[in-house]
Amino acid sequence: MSAALVVAGRADPTAVEDNDGHFAANFPSAVRRANRIVDKDIGQIVTFQVYASQGAVAFMVTYSDYPEGYVVKAGAAAFFKDAAKEAAEAAKGTIRGEDNCKLGDVAGLEVVIDGPDRAYVQRMRLYVVGDRLFQVTYIGPPDSEAGKAALDFLDSFRLLPVPETK
């Protein structure tokens, strides 16, 4: 069950520990949750999202589970590139830059996407664990992607251990 962390004896809705998603992150304000089904060539993928917004700025963690073995078969590098391209297309934007990143031992791809007419910018970090894709995204005004709010959020993301099944 997903739950907020308890901080100093009180629930803190901004420090989220999502046990179902196996991640934690610090959001700047209370979060909302949503999910949707996405039709892909490989079938339907359920996408789960935890997000917070403050005016023109949004902070999101999205995760999706792909069919068993799909990511390995596709190859992580190609999978990341396809996910970044899909994110840019969904934003009707263009990829301005991308670079490899790491979260502990987990390799990832960091992408900066400019919205149409540079109306906004997205900075996104993509990670894959097994067949689960994590997208950690900051969306804000142009040229804000390297600011404190963006980096504090992106850097707060961490993976939680997956409980062993008996």
C-alpha atoms as a PDB file:
ATOM      1  CA  MET A   1       0.000   0.000   0.000  1.00  0.00           C
ATOM      2  CA  SER A   2       1.324   3.453  -0.851  1.00  0.00           C
ATOM      3  CA  ALA A   3       1.765   5.822   2.051  1.00  0.00           C
ATOM      4  CA  ALA A   4       3.352   9.087   3.042  1.00  0.00           C
ATOM      5  CA  LEU A   5       6.364   8.952   5.338  1.00  0.00           C
ATOM      6  CA  VAL A   6       5.893   9.782   8.995  1.00  0.00           C
ATOM      7  CA  VAL A   7       8.205  12.618  10.006  1.00  0.00           C
ATOM      8  CA  ALA A   8       8.642  13.549  13.678  1.00  0.00           C
ATOM      9  CA  GLY A   9       5.367  11.845  14.607  1.00  0.00           C
ATOM     10  CA  ARG A  10       3.274  13.502  11.893  1.00  0.00           C
ATOM     11  CA  ALA A  11       2.418  12.462   8.384  1.00  0.00           C
ATOM     12  CA  ASP A  12       4.378  14.441   5.800  1.00  0.00           C
ATOM     13  CA  PRO A  13       2.529  14.339   2.469  1.00  0.00           C
ATOM     14  CA  THR A  14       5.554  15.753   0.661  1.00  0.00           C
ATOM     15  CA  ALA A  15       7.969  12.951   1.597  1.00  0.00           C
ATOM     16  CA  VAL A  16       6.475  10.030  -0.288  1.00  0.00           C
ATOM     17  CA  GLU A  17       7.447   6.416   0.171  1.00  0.00           C
ATOM     18  CA  ASP A  18       5.516   4.386  -2.377  1.00  0.00           C
ATOM     19  CA  ASN A  19       5.736   0.725  -1.389  1.00  0.00           C
ATOM     20  CA  ASP A  20       3.766  -0.471  -4.423  1.00  0.00           C
ATOM     21  CA  GLY A  21       6.058   1.452  -6.783  1.00  0.00           C
ATOM     22  CA  HIS A  22       9.193   0.658  -4.751  1.00  0.00           C
ATOM     23  CA  PHE A  23      10.421   4.266  -4.691  1.00  0.00           C
ATOM     24  CA  ALA A  24      10.621   7.320  -2.461  1.00  0.00           C
ATOM     25  CA  ALA A  25      10.910  11.001  -3.333  1.00  0.00           C
ATOM     26  CA  ASN A  26      10.493  14.404  -1.706  1.00  0.00           C
ATOM     27  CA  PHE A  27       7.845  16.528  -3.366  1.00  0.00           C
ATOM     28  CA  PRO A  28       7.536  20.280  -2.673  1.00  0.00           C
ATOM     29  CA  SER A  29       3.807  20.010  -1.845  1.00  0.00           C
ATOM     30  CA  ALA A  30       1.091  17.431  -1.239  1.00  0.00           C
ATOM     31  CA  VAL A  31       0.836  14.791  -3.934  1.00  0.00           C
ATOM     32  CA  ARG A  32      -1.927  13.350  -6.058  1.00  0.00           C
ATOM     33  CA  ARG A  33      -2.033   9.976  -7.725  1.00  0.00           C
ATOM     34  CA  ALA A  34      -3.319   8.800 -11.072  1.00  0.00           C
ATOM     35  CA  ASN A  35      -3.024   5.850 -13.378  1.00  0.00           C
ATOM     36  CA  ARG A  36      -3.859   5.208 -16.977  1.00  0.00           C
ATOM     37  CA  ILE A  37      -3.672   2.454 -19.522  1.00  0.00           C
ATOM     38  CA  VAL A  38      -1.448   3.101 -22.514  1.00  0.00           C
ATOM     39  CA  ASP A  39      -1.869   1.084 -25.711  1.00  0.00           C
ATOM     40  CA  LYS A  40       1.468   0.082 -27.236  1.00  0.00           C
ATOM     41  CA  ASP A  41       2.511  -2.334 -29.958  1.00  0.00           C
ATOM     42  CA  ILE A  42       3.361  -4.852 -27.238  1.00  0.00           C
ATOM     43  CA  GLY A  43      -0.067  -4.544 -25.558  1.00  0.00           C
ATOM     44  CA  GLN A  44      -1.548  -2.432 -22.809  1.00  0.00           C
ATOM     45  CA  ILE A  45       0.793  -0.942 -20.223  1.00  0.00           C
ATOM     46  CA  VAL A  46      -0.564   0.445 -16.952  1.00  0.00           C
ATOM     47  CA  THR A  47       1.203   3.649 -15.962  1.00  0.00           C
ATOM     48  CA  PHE A  48       1.105   4.890 -12.362  1.00  0.00           C
ATOM     49  CA  GLN A  49       1.876   8.500 -11.489  1.00  0.00           C
ATOM     50  CA  VAL A  50       2.535  10.387  -8.267  1.00  0.00           C
ATOM     51  CA  TYR A  51       2.706  14.136  -8.804  1.00  0.00           C
ATOM     52  CA  ALA A  52       2.565  17.584  -7.257  1.00  0.00           C
ATOM     53  CA  SER A  53       2.141  20.956  -8.889  1.00  0.00           C
ATOM     54  CA  GLN A  54       2.783  24.529  -7.865  1.00  0.00           C
ATOM     55  CA  GLY A  55       1.432  26.961 -10.427  1.00  0.00           C
ATOM     56  CA  ALA A  56       3.362  26.446 -13.676  1.00  0.00           C
ATOM     57  CA  VAL A  57       5.703  23.886 -12.124  1.00  0.00           C
ATOM     58  CA  ALA A  58       5.097  20.137 -11.795  1.00  0.00           C
ATOM     59  CA  PHE A  59       7.007  17.285 -10.175  1.00  0.00           C
ATOM     60  CA  MET A  60       6.230  13.686 -11.179  1.00  0.00           C
ATOM     61  CA  VAL A  61       7.302  10.127 -10.639  1.00  0.00           C
ATOM     62  CA  THR A  62       5.774   7.766 -13.163  1.00  0.00           C
ATOM     63  CA  TYR A  63       6.354   4.040 -13.379  1.00  0.00           C
ATOM     64  CA  SER A  64       5.215   1.415 -15.850  1.00  0.00           C
ATOM     65  CA  ASP A  65       5.675  -2.342 -15.892  1.00  0.00           C
ATOM     66  CA  TYR A  66       6.516  -3.891 -19.252  1.00  0.00           C
ATOM     67  CA  PRO A  67       6.088  -7.570 -20.174  1.00  0.00           C
ATOM     68  CA  GLU A  68       8.635  -9.878 -18.596  1.00  0.00           C
ATOM     69  CA  GLY A  69      11.931  -9.805 -20.497  1.00  0.00           C
ATOM     70  CA  TYR A  70      10.884  -6.944 -22.787  1.00  0.00           C
ATOM     71  CA  VAL A  71      13.512  -4.455 -21.617  1.00  0.00           C
ATOM     72  CA  VAL A  72      16.357  -6.978 -21.837  1.00  0.00           C
ATOM     73  CA  LYS A  73      15.224  -8.012 -25.311  1.00  0.00           C
ATOM     74  CA  ALA A  74      14.982  -4.376 -26.484  1.00  0.00           C
ATOM     75  CA  GLY A  75      18.282  -3.432 -24.839  1.00  0.00           C
ATOM     76  CA  ALA A  76      18.415  -0.774 -22.135  1.00  0.00           C
ATOM     77  CA  ALA A  77      20.017   1.927 -24.322  1.00  0.00           C
ATOM     78  CA  ALA A  78      17.420   1.525 -27.089  1.00  0.00           C
ATOM     79  CA  PHE A  79      14.624   1.327 -24.514  1.00  0.00           C
ATOM     80  CA  PHE A  80      15.739   4.617 -22.913  1.00  0.00           C
ATOM     81  CA  LYS A  81      15.983   6.352 -26.308  1.00  0.00           C
ATOM     82  CA  ASP A  82      12.474   5.178 -27.244  1.00  0.00           C
ATOM     83  CA  ALA A  83      11.058   6.304 -23.880  1.00  0.00           C
ATOM     84  CA  ALA A  84      12.707   9.743 -24.261  1.00  0.00           C
ATOM     85  CA  LYS A  85      11.369  10.076 -27.801  1.00  0.00           C
ATOM     86  CA  GLU A  86       7.846   9.142 -26.626  1.00  0.00           C
ATOM     87  CA  ALA A  87       8.065  11.707 -23.804  1.00  0.00           C
ATOM     88  CA  ALA A  88       9.093  14.436 -26.260  1.00  0.00           C
ATOM     89  CA  GLU A  89       6.275  13.480 -28.638  1.00  0.00           C
ATOM     90  CA  ALA A  90       3.728  13.488 -25.787  1.00  0.00           C
ATOM     91  CA  ALA A  91       4.944  16.976 -24.806  1.00  0.00           C
ATOM     92  CA  LYS A  92       4.865  18.074 -28.446  1.00  0.00           C
ATOM     93  CA  GLY A  93       8.421  19.166 -27.751  1.00  0.00           C
ATOM     94  CA  THR A  94      11.968  18.487 -28.820  1.00  0.00           C
ATOM     95  CA  ILE A  95      14.857  16.831 -27.035  1.00  0.00           C
ATOM     96  CA  ARG A  96      17.507  19.466 -26.356  1.00  0.00           C
ATOM     97  CA  GLY A  97      19.954  17.201 -24.582  1.00  0.00           C
ATOM     98  CA  GLU A  98      20.496  13.811 -23.051  1.00  0.00           C
ATOM     99  CA  ASP A  99      23.188  12.229 -20.950  1.00  0.00           C
ATOM    100  CA  ASN A 100      23.746   9.010 -19.067  1.00  0.00           C
ATOM    101  CA  CYS A 101      23.101   9.107 -15.338  1.00  0.00           C
ATOM    102  CA  LYS A 102      23.188   6.673 -12.422  1.00  0.00           C
ATOM    103  CA  LEU A 103      21.191   6.027  -9.296  1.00  0.00           C
ATOM    104  CA  GLY A 104      23.472   3.872  -7.181  1.00  0.00           C
ATOM    105  CA  ASP A 105      24.170   0.851  -9.384  1.00  0.00           C
ATOM    106  CA  VAL A 106      21.211   1.535 -11.678  1.00  0.00           C
ATOM    107  CA  ALA A 107      22.091   3.133 -15.019  1.00  0.00           C
ATOM    108  CA  GLY A 108      19.747   5.714 -16.457  1.00  0.00           C
ATOM    109  CA  LEU A 109      19.284   8.434 -19.021  1.00  0.00           C
ATOM    110  CA  GLU A 110      18.682  12.108 -18.232  1.00  0.00           C
ATOM    111  CA  VAL A 111      16.813  14.093 -20.869  1.00  0.00           C
ATOM    112  CA  VAL A 112      15.928  17.776 -21.284  1.00  0.00           C
ATOM    113  CA  ILE A 113      12.873  18.445 -23.450  1.00  0.00           C
ATOM    114  CA  ASP A 114      11.796  21.883 -24.599  1.00  0.00           C
ATOM    115  CA  GLY A 115       8.053  22.349 -24.955  1.00  0.00           C
ATOM    116  CA  PRO A 116       6.523  23.902 -28.068  1.00  0.00           C
ATOM    117  CA  ASP A 117       7.951  27.379 -28.725  1.00  0.00           C
ATOM    118  CA  ARG A 118      10.061  26.874 -25.560  1.00  0.00           C
ATOM    119  CA  ALA A 119       6.960  27.628 -23.491  1.00  0.00           C
ATOM    120  CA  TYR A 120       8.237  25.225 -20.809  1.00  0.00           C
ATOM    121  CA  VAL A 121      11.010  22.719 -20.156  1.00  0.00           C
ATOM    122  CA  GLN A 122      11.082  19.163 -18.835  1.00  0.00           C
ATOM    123  CA  ARG A 123      14.037  17.564 -17.128  1.00  0.00           C
ATOM    124  CA  MET A 124      13.543  13.846 -16.823  1.00  0.00           C
ATOM    125  CA  ARG A 125      15.564  10.962 -15.460  1.00  0.00           C
ATOM    126  CA  LEU A 126      14.726   7.491 -16.753  1.00  0.00           C
ATOM    127  CA  TYR A 127      15.680   4.328 -14.867  1.00  0.00           C
ATOM    128  CA  VAL A 128      14.840   0.678 -15.447  1.00  0.00           C
ATOM    129  CA  VAL A 129      14.707  -1.974 -12.748  1.00  0.00           C
ATOM    130  CA  GLY A 130      13.782  -5.363 -14.167  1.00  0.00           C
ATOM    131  CA  ASP A 131      10.927  -4.563 -16.532  1.00  0.00           C
ATOM    132  CA  ARG A 132       9.782  -1.437 -14.679  1.00  0.00           C
ATOM    133  CA  LEU A 133      10.471   1.982 -16.195  1.00  0.00           C
ATOM    134  CA  PHE A 134      10.701   4.915 -13.785  1.00  0.00           C
ATOM    135  CA  GLN A 135      10.373   8.459 -15.134  1.00  0.00           C
ATOM    136  CA  VAL A 136      11.275  11.180 -12.633  1.00  0.00           C
ATOM    137  CA  THR A 137      10.220  14.490 -14.171  1.00  0.00           C
ATOM    138  CA  TYR A 138      10.406  18.190 -13.402  1.00  0.00           C
ATOM    139  CA  ILE A 139       8.363  20.550 -15.630  1.00  0.00           C
ATOM    140  CA  GLY A 140       8.763  24.303 -15.327  1.00  0.00           C
ATOM    141  CA  PRO A 141       9.396  27.613 -17.056  1.00  0.00           C
ATOM    142  CA  PRO A 142      12.131  27.810 -19.711  1.00  0.00           C
ATOM    143  CA  ASP A 143      15.668  27.552 -18.331  1.00  0.00           C
ATOM    144  CA  SER A 144      14.525  26.440 -14.847  1.00  0.00           C
ATOM    145  CA  GLU A 145      15.618  22.808 -15.299  1.00  0.00           C
ATOM    146  CA  ALA A 146      18.937  23.338 -13.480  1.00  0.00           C
ATOM    147  CA  GLY A 147      17.426  25.334 -10.613  1.00  0.00           C
ATOM    148  CA  LYS A 148      17.282  24.297  -6.967  1.00  0.00           C
ATOM    149  CA  ALA A 149      13.636  23.143  -7.061  1.00  0.00           C
ATOM    150  CA  ALA A 150      14.274  20.874 -10.050  1.00  0.00           C
ATOM    151  CA  LEU A 151      17.490  19.379  -8.721  1.00  0.00           C
ATOM    152  CA  ASP A 152      16.215  18.955  -5.150  1.00  0.00           C
ATOM    153  CA  PHE A 153      13.282  16.935  -6.471  1.00  0.00           C
ATOM    154  CA  LEU A 154      15.214  14.886  -9.031  1.00  0.00           C
ATOM    155  CA  ASP A 155      18.012  14.144  -6.547  1.00  0.00           C
ATOM    156  CA  SER A 156      15.534  13.069  -3.835  1.00  0.00           C
ATOM    157  CA  PHE A 157      14.327  10.077  -5.865  1.00  0.00           C
ATOM    158  CA  ARG A 158      15.493   6.736  -4.554  1.00  0.00           C
ATOM    159  CA  LEU A 159      14.579   3.121  -5.124  1.00  0.00           C
ATOM    160  CA  LEU A 160      13.186   0.971  -2.352  1.00  0.00           C
ATOM    161  CA  PRO A 161      13.972  -2.712  -2.025  1.00  0.00           C
ATOM    162  CA  VAL A 162      11.479  -5.093  -3.567  1.00  0.00           C
ATOM    163  CA  PRO A 163      10.214  -7.495  -0.888  1.00  0.00           C
ATOM    164  CA  GLU A 164      11.110 -11.116  -1.466  1.00  0.00           C
ATOM    165  CA  THR A 165       8.226 -13.403  -2.306  1.00  0.00           C
ATOM    166  CA  LYS A 166       7.887 -16.767  -0.609  1.00  0.00           C
END
